[in-house]
Protein backbone atom coordinates (compact mmCIF):
# COMPACT_ATOMS: atom_id res chain seq x y z
CA GLN A 1 25.34 44.29 -124.08
CA VAL A 2 21.58 44.73 -124.05
CA GLN A 3 19.95 47.96 -122.97
CA LEU A 4 16.32 48.03 -121.86
CA VAL A 5 14.22 51.20 -121.90
CA GLU A 6 10.77 51.26 -120.33
CA SER A 7 7.96 53.69 -121.08
CA GLY A 8 4.23 54.03 -120.59
CA GLY A 9 4.01 54.70 -116.89
CA GLY A 10 1.79 57.40 -115.49
CA SER A 11 -0.94 58.27 -113.05
CA VAL A 12 -4.46 56.90 -113.44
CA GLN A 13 -7.44 56.32 -111.22
CA SER A 14 -8.38 52.98 -109.79
CA GLY A 15 -10.04 50.84 -112.43
CA GLY A 16 -8.10 52.45 -115.24
CA SER A 17 -5.59 50.99 -117.68
CA LEU A 18 -2.02 51.54 -118.74
CA ARG A 19 0.24 49.89 -121.28
CA LEU A 20 3.92 49.61 -120.52
CA SER A 21 6.57 49.06 -123.18
CA CYS A 22 10.14 47.89 -122.92
CA VAL A 23 12.41 48.29 -125.92
CA ALA A 24 15.55 46.19 -126.01
CA SER A 25 18.61 47.15 -127.99
CA GLY A 26 20.25 43.97 -129.06
CA TYR A 27 19.25 40.35 -129.00
CA THR A 28 17.37 39.17 -125.95
CA TYR A 29 17.39 35.57 -124.77
CA GLY A 30 16.01 33.49 -121.96
CA CYS A 31 13.34 35.39 -120.10
CA MET A 32 12.01 38.91 -120.63
CA ALA A 33 9.88 40.07 -117.74
CA TRP A 34 8.36 42.86 -115.70
CA PHE A 35 9.06 43.46 -112.05
CA ARG A 36 7.86 46.14 -109.69
CA GLN A 37 8.92 47.70 -106.44
CA ALA A 38 6.64 49.78 -104.28
CA PRO A 39 8.03 52.23 -101.70
CA GLY A 40 9.22 50.37 -98.63
CA LYS A 41 8.65 46.98 -100.20
CA GLU A 42 10.83 44.41 -101.89
CA ARG A 43 10.92 43.92 -105.62
CA GLU A 44 8.42 41.40 -106.90
CA GLY A 45 7.85 39.61 -110.18
CA VAL A 46 4.81 40.69 -112.18
CA ALA A 47 4.79 38.89 -115.52
CA GLY A 48 7.25 37.24 -117.87
CA PHE A 49 7.57 36.08 -121.47
CA GLY A 50 9.91 33.19 -122.01
CA GLU A 51 12.02 32.51 -125.05
CA ASP A 52 9.93 29.36 -125.50
CA GLY A 53 6.81 31.51 -125.89
CA SER A 54 5.39 30.75 -122.48
CA THR A 55 3.95 33.42 -120.20
CA SER A 56 3.98 33.62 -116.43
CA TYR A 57 2.08 35.89 -114.06
CA ALA A 58 2.06 36.73 -110.39
CA ASP A 59 -1.19 35.67 -108.74
CA SER A 60 -1.92 39.28 -107.84
CA VAL A 61 -2.17 40.33 -111.50
CA LYS A 62 -3.67 37.27 -113.18
CA GLY A 63 -6.74 38.18 -115.16
CA ARG A 64 -5.88 41.88 -115.11
CA PHE A 65 -2.46 42.12 -116.76
CA THR A 66 -1.40 40.70 -120.11
CA ILE A 67 2.20 40.37 -121.25
CA SER A 68 3.13 40.21 -124.91
CA GLN A 69 6.14 40.56 -127.14
CA ASP A 70 6.51 41.75 -130.69
CA ASN A 71 7.63 39.29 -133.36
CA ALA A 72 11.11 40.74 -133.52
CA LYS A 73 11.43 40.03 -129.79
CA ASN A 74 12.83 43.43 -129.11
CA THR A 75 9.78 45.01 -127.48
CA LEU A 76 7.93 43.71 -124.43
CA PHE A 77 4.51 45.01 -123.51
CA LEU A 78 2.46 44.88 -120.34
CA GLN A 79 -1.22 45.72 -120.71
CA MET A 80 -2.55 46.56 -117.27
CA ASN A 81 -6.30 46.72 -116.77
CA SER A 82 -8.50 47.13 -113.70
CA LEU A 83 -5.65 48.85 -111.92
CA LYS A 84 -5.72 49.09 -108.15
CA PRO A 85 -3.91 51.42 -105.73
CA GLU A 86 -1.77 48.45 -104.65
CA ASP A 87 -0.37 48.29 -108.19
CA THR A 88 1.42 51.57 -107.53
CA ALA A 89 5.15 50.97 -107.96
CA MET A 90 8.18 51.50 -110.12
CA TYR A 91 7.98 48.94 -112.89
CA TYR A 92 11.18 47.48 -114.27
CA CYS A 93 11.89 45.43 -117.37
CA ALA A 94 14.53 42.73 -117.16
CA ALA A 95 15.92 40.13 -119.54
CA GLY A 96 18.38 37.30 -119.88
CA GLY A 97 19.03 34.34 -117.62
CA GLU A 98 19.88 30.74 -118.36
CA LEU A 99 16.30 29.47 -118.47
CA ASN A 100 13.98 29.98 -121.43
CA THR A 101 10.97 30.41 -119.17
CA CYS A 102 10.18 33.08 -116.57
CA GLY A 103 8.30 31.42 -113.73
CA TYR A 104 11.42 30.82 -111.67
CA TYR A 105 12.68 34.36 -112.16
CA LEU A 106 9.36 35.85 -111.08
CA ARG A 107 9.47 33.80 -107.87
CA VAL A 108 13.01 34.93 -107.02
CA SER A 109 12.35 38.58 -107.84
CA GLY A 110 14.56 38.54 -110.89
CA ASP A 111 17.77 37.17 -109.41
CA GLY A 112 19.78 35.69 -112.25
CA LEU A 113 18.51 37.99 -114.98
CA ASP A 114 21.29 39.80 -116.75
CA TYR A 115 19.86 43.10 -117.90
CA TRP A 116 17.65 45.67 -116.23
CA GLY A 117 16.01 48.90 -117.30
CA LYS A 118 15.77 52.00 -115.17
CA GLY A 119 12.05 51.73 -114.62
CA THR A 120 8.82 53.59 -115.26
CA LEU A 121 6.59 54.84 -112.47
CA VAL A 122 2.97 53.74 -112.19
CA THR A 123 0.71 55.56 -109.72
CA ILE A 124 -2.87 54.50 -109.12
CA SER A 125 -5.15 56.75 -107.11
CA SER A 126 -8.27 55.57 -105.35
């Protein structure tokens, strides 16, 4: 059983930056990714790091967010720059799945991923 614990959320002004972390207890496989859910909206994929080393991003965050993973593969990071009010959401880390890439899982909002964290809240003020 893998447990995922997110941290790094907070409140910043538009244009600011935050760095999210997700620490996994146990071996992770397949895809390790970030998702977010804003109030009243459905969950959406943000960025993912595949077991094959590939990265995937939602169009809305390309060029602003960078996903990375430590060499031990037990910590996932999301560097978020040029933040906008529309980035406000609860951010969740998820891992697992049968594929070793994340693009598919981002498109289907994480269906098929095996493990989920409890989330960290990001609030961006204008």
